[in-house]
Each structure stands twice: as C-alpha cells, then as structure tokens.
Protein backbone atom coordinates (compact mmCIF):
# COMPACT_ATOMS: atom_id res chain seq x y z
CA MET A 1 37.29 18.79 6.58
CA THR A 2 33.64 19.80 6.87
CA LEU A 3 31.76 22.15 4.60
CA ALA A 4 28.14 23.26 4.78
CA ALA A 5 25.74 24.38 2.08
CA ASN A 6 22.34 25.86 2.70
CA ASP A 7 19.90 28.52 1.59
CA SER A 8 18.90 30.47 4.67
CA THR A 9 16.23 32.32 2.65
CA ASN A 10 14.35 29.09 1.92
CA PRO A 11 11.91 28.32 4.75
CA ASP A 12 11.79 24.65 3.64
CA THR A 13 15.50 24.15 4.31
CA THR A 14 14.95 22.38 7.62
CA LYS A 15 16.39 18.87 7.25
CA HIS A 16 20.13 18.54 7.72
CA VAL A 17 21.97 15.87 5.69
CA LEU A 18 25.59 14.93 6.25
CA VAL A 19 27.44 13.53 3.21
CA VAL A 20 30.64 11.63 4.06
CA GLU A 21 32.44 11.10 0.75
CA ASP A 22 36.15 11.44 -0.06
CA GLU A 23 35.74 11.85 -3.84
CA PRO A 24 35.33 15.64 -4.31
CA LYS A 25 33.30 15.45 -7.53
CA ILE A 26 30.78 12.99 -6.08
CA ALA A 27 30.54 14.96 -2.83
CA ALA A 28 29.95 18.23 -4.71
CA LEU A 29 27.32 16.60 -6.95
CA LEU A 30 25.39 15.24 -3.98
CA ARG A 31 25.68 18.56 -2.14
CA ASP A 32 24.30 20.49 -5.10
CA TYR A 33 21.35 18.17 -5.72
CA LEU A 34 20.42 17.92 -2.04
CA ALA A 35 20.72 21.68 -1.55
CA ALA A 36 18.59 22.25 -4.65
CA SER A 37 15.96 20.04 -3.03
CA ALA A 38 15.80 22.28 0.07
CA PHE A 39 18.11 20.24 2.32
CA ARG A 40 20.79 21.78 4.47
CA VAL A 41 23.98 19.90 3.60
CA SER A 42 27.30 19.34 5.35
CA LEU A 43 30.24 17.52 3.77
CA ARG A 44 33.03 15.47 5.30
CA ASP A 45 35.85 13.88 3.30
CA THR A 46 37.21 11.51 5.95
CA GLY A 47 35.83 8.92 8.33
CA ALA A 48 38.06 10.03 11.18
CA GLY A 49 36.11 12.13 13.67
CA THR A 50 32.79 11.60 11.85
CA VAL A 51 31.02 9.89 14.76
CA GLU A 52 32.04 12.73 17.07
CA TRP A 53 30.79 15.25 14.47
CA ILE A 54 27.44 13.47 14.24
CA ARG A 55 27.09 13.42 18.01
CA GLU A 56 27.73 17.15 18.15
CA HIS A 57 25.59 18.28 15.20
CA ALA A 58 22.85 15.58 15.12
CA PRO A 59 22.04 15.61 11.39
CA ASP A 60 18.70 14.22 10.24
CA ALA A 61 20.31 11.73 7.83
CA VAL A 62 23.78 10.57 6.79
CA VAL A 63 24.92 9.58 3.29
CA LEU A 64 27.98 7.48 4.07
CA ASP A 65 30.58 6.12 1.67
CA LEU A 66 31.81 2.61 2.44
CA MET A 67 35.49 3.21 1.65
CA LEU A 68 36.80 6.22 3.53
CA PRO A 69 40.23 7.32 4.74
CA GLY A 70 40.79 7.15 8.48
CA VAL A 71 37.73 5.10 9.52
CA ASP A 72 35.60 3.24 6.98
CA GLY A 73 31.84 3.40 6.66
CA LEU A 74 31.35 -0.03 8.24
CA GLU A 75 32.96 1.02 11.49
CA ILE A 76 31.16 4.36 11.54
CA CYS A 77 27.76 2.67 11.13
CA ARG A 78 28.53 0.05 13.78
CA THR A 79 29.64 2.72 16.24
CA LEU A 80 26.58 4.88 15.65
CA ARG A 81 24.15 2.01 16.19
CA ALA A 82 25.84 1.11 19.48
CA LEU A 83 25.58 4.61 21.00
CA PRO A 84 23.29 4.99 24.04
CA ASP A 85 21.59 8.15 22.78
CA PRO A 86 18.71 6.92 20.55
CA ARG A 87 18.54 10.26 18.75
CA ILE A 88 22.04 9.63 17.38
CA ALA A 89 22.00 5.83 17.30
CA ASN A 90 18.90 5.79 15.11
CA VAL A 91 19.93 8.45 12.60
CA PRO A 92 19.03 7.22 9.09
CA VAL A 93 22.14 6.04 7.21
CA LEU A 94 22.38 5.53 3.45
CA MET A 95 25.50 3.55 2.54
CA LEU A 96 27.31 4.18 -0.75
CA THR A 97 29.31 1.32 -2.26
CA ALA A 98 31.23 0.90 -5.52
CA ARG A 99 30.11 -2.68 -6.20
CA VAL A 100 26.62 -4.17 -6.27
CA GLU A 101 28.08 -7.48 -5.04
CA GLU A 102 29.16 -5.69 -1.88
CA ILE A 103 25.55 -5.01 -0.90
CA ASP A 104 24.87 -8.70 -0.19
CA ARG A 105 27.83 -8.78 2.21
CA LEU A 106 26.72 -5.58 3.92
CA LEU A 107 23.22 -6.96 4.40
CA GLY A 108 24.69 -10.10 5.93
CA LEU A 109 26.68 -8.04 8.42
CA GLU A 110 23.41 -6.50 9.69
CA LEU A 111 24.99 -3.09 10.18
CA GLY A 112 21.64 -1.38 10.51
CA ALA A 113 22.05 0.93 7.51
CA ASP A 114 18.67 2.08 6.22
CA ASP A 115 19.50 1.84 2.52
CA TYR A 116 22.32 0.88 0.17
CA ILE A 117 23.17 2.69 -3.06
CA CYS A 118 25.62 1.40 -5.65
CA LYS A 119 27.91 3.70 -7.65
CA PRO A 120 27.50 5.02 -10.26
CA PHE A 121 24.14 6.40 -9.23
CA SER A 122 21.69 9.05 -10.27
CA PRO A 123 21.88 11.98 -7.84
CA ARG A 124 18.11 12.35 -8.21
CA GLU A 125 17.73 8.77 -6.96
CA VAL A 126 19.87 9.58 -3.92
CA VAL A 127 17.69 12.60 -3.15
CA ALA A 128 14.57 10.43 -3.48
CA ARG A 129 16.01 7.81 -1.15
CA VAL A 130 17.03 10.42 1.42
CA ARG A 131 13.46 11.68 1.41
CA ALA A 132 12.18 8.12 1.77
CA VAL A 133 14.32 7.28 4.82
CA LEU A 134 13.43 10.59 6.45
CA ARG A 135 9.74 9.88 5.87
CA ARG A 136 10.10 6.41 7.40
CA ALA A 137 11.99 7.86 10.37
CA ALA A 138 9.36 10.52 11.04
CA PRO A 139 7.32 9.88 14.21
CA ALA A 140 3.85 8.53 13.63
CA GLU A 141 0.90 10.81 14.25
CA THR A 142 -0.08 10.59 17.90
CA GLY A 143 -3.42 8.97 18.55
CA LYS A 144 -3.50 7.35 15.11
CA PRO A 145 -3.37 3.52 15.19
CA PRO A 146 -0.82 1.76 12.96
CA VAL A 147 -2.11 0.55 9.62
CA VAL A 148 -0.88 -2.99 10.36
CA GLU A 149 -0.97 -4.45 13.88
CA LEU A 150 0.18 -7.87 15.09
CA ASP A 151 -1.64 -10.03 17.65
CA GLU A 152 1.01 -12.38 19.02
CA GLY A 153 -1.49 -14.51 20.94
CA ARG A 154 -3.65 -15.28 17.92
CA PHE A 155 -0.92 -15.28 15.27
CA GLU A 156 -3.11 -12.76 13.52
CA ALA A 157 -2.59 -9.43 11.84
CA ARG A 158 -5.02 -6.54 11.69
CA ALA A 159 -5.07 -4.14 8.77
CA HIS A 160 -7.18 -1.00 9.12
CA GLY A 161 -8.75 -2.77 12.12
CA HIS A 162 -9.79 -5.85 10.13
CA ALA A 163 -8.44 -9.29 11.03
CA VAL A 164 -6.10 -10.96 8.53
CA ALA A 165 -5.72 -14.71 9.10
CA LEU A 166 -2.11 -15.83 8.63
CA THR A 167 -0.27 -19.13 8.81
CA PRO A 168 2.44 -19.31 11.52
CA VAL A 169 5.14 -18.91 8.86
CA GLU A 170 3.40 -15.89 7.34
CA PHE A 171 3.00 -14.33 10.78
CA ARG A 172 6.72 -14.78 11.57
CA LEU A 173 7.57 -13.31 8.17
CA LEU A 174 5.44 -10.22 8.76
CA ARG A 175 6.78 -9.86 12.31
CA LYS A 176 10.38 -9.93 11.06
CA LEU A 177 9.82 -7.48 8.23
CA SER A 178 7.76 -5.03 10.30
CA SER A 179 10.20 -5.09 13.25
CA GLN A 180 12.38 -2.55 11.41
CA PRO A 181 10.40 -0.66 8.77
CA GLY A 182 12.53 0.40 5.83
CA ARG A 183 15.28 -2.14 6.46
CA VAL A 184 16.10 -4.51 3.60
CA TYR A 185 16.19 -8.18 4.60
CA SER A 186 17.89 -10.73 2.39
CA ARG A 187 16.12 -14.00 1.67
CA GLN A 188 18.63 -15.83 3.86
CA GLN A 189 17.89 -13.57 6.82
CA LEU A 190 14.18 -14.16 6.36
CA MET A 191 14.69 -17.94 6.12
CA ASP A 192 16.61 -17.87 9.41
CA ALA A 193 13.70 -16.02 11.05
CA LEU A 194 11.05 -18.34 9.60
CA TYR A 195 12.58 -21.69 10.43
CA SER A 196 14.18 -22.11 13.86
CA ASP A 197 15.34 -25.62 12.95
CA HIS A 198 17.51 -24.14 10.15
CA ARG A 199 16.02 -26.49 7.59
CA VAL A 200 17.24 -26.12 4.01
CA VAL A 201 14.71 -24.28 1.88
CA SER A 202 15.08 -22.49 -1.43
CA ASP A 203 14.73 -18.81 -2.21
CA ARG A 204 11.53 -19.70 -4.06
CA THR A 205 10.00 -20.88 -0.78
CA VAL A 206 10.52 -17.46 0.80
CA ASP A 207 9.22 -15.75 -2.34
CA SER A 208 6.11 -17.93 -2.19
CA HIS A 209 5.42 -17.02 1.43
CA VAL A 210 5.91 -13.33 0.63
CA LYS A 211 3.53 -13.60 -2.33
CA ASN A 212 0.83 -15.18 -0.16
CA LEU A 213 1.34 -12.63 2.61
CA ARG A 214 1.12 -9.72 0.19
CA ARG A 215 -2.06 -11.17 -1.31
CA LYS A 216 -3.73 -11.44 2.10
CA LEU A 217 -2.69 -7.94 3.16
CA GLY A 218 -3.73 -6.61 -0.24
CA GLU A 219 -7.21 -8.04 0.24
CA ALA A 220 -7.35 -5.99 3.45
CA GLY A 221 -6.36 -2.83 1.59
CA VAL A 222 -2.64 -2.49 2.41
CA ASP A 223 0.54 -3.30 0.49
CA PRO A 224 3.48 -2.59 2.82
CA ILE A 225 6.00 -5.16 1.52
CA ALA A 226 8.36 -3.98 -1.22
CA SER A 227 10.54 -6.27 -3.30
CA ILE A 228 14.08 -4.92 -3.71
CA TYR A 229 15.54 -6.34 -6.91
CA GLY A 230 18.50 -8.62 -6.33
CA LEU A 231 18.48 -8.07 -2.55
CA GLY A 232 15.29 -9.14 -0.78
CA TYR A 233 12.32 -7.42 0.82
CA ARG A 234 11.47 -4.55 3.12
CA PHE A 235 8.40 -3.31 5.00
CA GLU A 236 7.49 0.30 4.45
CA LEU A 237 4.19 2.01 4.99
CA ASN A 238 4.48 4.99 2.67
CA GLU A 239 1.68 7.19 1.48
CA ASP A 240 0.37 4.55 -0.94
CA ALA A 241 0.76 1.41 1.18
CA GLY A 242 -2.12 2.13 3.47
CA GLN A 243 -4.65 3.21 0.88
CA THR A 244 -7.81 1.21 0.48
C-alpha cells in the first residue's frame, strides 16, 4: 500500500521522500515530521514492488526499513544500486535498523546505503539526516572547483588551490574516503584500502592516520572528515567543511 502526504500550498514542498516502513506508528511519525519540514512524503508498508515503485516515481530520497515483509531492505538496496539508470541507482537511501550491532554488518556488506539509523530514533534526527543526504547528493555548482582535489601523480592533495603534502598512506586514505562522499567507512574497510598486503594493524593505527590527515587539511582551511561514533569515518563537504 502506498500513501502520499504533501502540502500543495507550500512552495518549498519540492523534495519527494519515500518511507518504506511496515510499523504504522513509526511510518506515520516519520510522515508527519517530514511533511512538517516541507517534504512531500509517500509511504509503503511492504518491500514487494518497492523497486518498481521507485523506478516509476523517482523519489529524491528513500527511508528504508531493514526488516520488511515481501522483500527486505537489503535486497531492495542491492537491486537499486545495480540498476542501469543512474538517476534511480544513485537515489539516497537511509537504512533503518532495530539493533546498533546490525550497522557493523550492514557496513561490511557494502550495500551502498548513504546512512544508517538505529531504532528507537528521534524523528527530528531523521529529518536532519534526510536533509544531509539530499545536500550531499545535490550537483555541485558548475564552474566551481572542488574544495579538495587529488593529484594522483604527485600523491598530493590541493585544498582551496593550495598544495597539501601527504604520505602515501594518507593519500590512499583521503582517496578512499572522498571516492564516495557521505558514505560511512568502517575502520576495517579503510585498513583494507590502505594496506594492499593485508598486514595486521590495529584500529588505533587507522585513527592515527585520520588524525594526521585531518590536521594537514585543517591547516589548509578544510575539515571534510567526520568521525561517526562506533562506526568509522566519512567524507562530507558541508557548508562548514570548506570554510577558511
């Protein structure tokens, strides 16, 4: 079943969010908070047929419960990311899960979800995260150079046009994080990207490299690397990251 909520009199109601949640109270709560924040909202209470619905209606973001009747959230996310149409394949997905321990497993599966939210949650936090993924998904201003650029030949980064000298490990770390802005990478995933010989290193080693990288970028006036408590790190150039 699909329901829609919107305020056609509000000119700011332009972004369309699909909430796929089979618990009616949670679905209604999310619908009300998102609609109150000027989003146009559609609801689905089953996973079956959701990919087809998304292909037809092309929402701007999807809030997707992990455990759904018919087809679960894992399969829906996998199917979306494999579609040939980039407009649909790259739709921002926020995954809802009932257990914080589940988030580590989801990260390891590399489903391509843009964010993970554990129940119980604050509906205001969900609204804030929807806004964040939509902001990250927005196309960059044409003609405006990126705040952080990578020079593969020199193993060097440039921030606001200024060179930032990096070690090879720091360069690989920045390259991995910036390859998918907004995506959360676990420490294990970052270790795999940093060391091709799969040497055994501790979490503290990754944290140390991140600390040094953030210090160097900070000296150049940017702070794009966010620490996600209990999960890992992500690269996101929001309004504050590029300020000098």
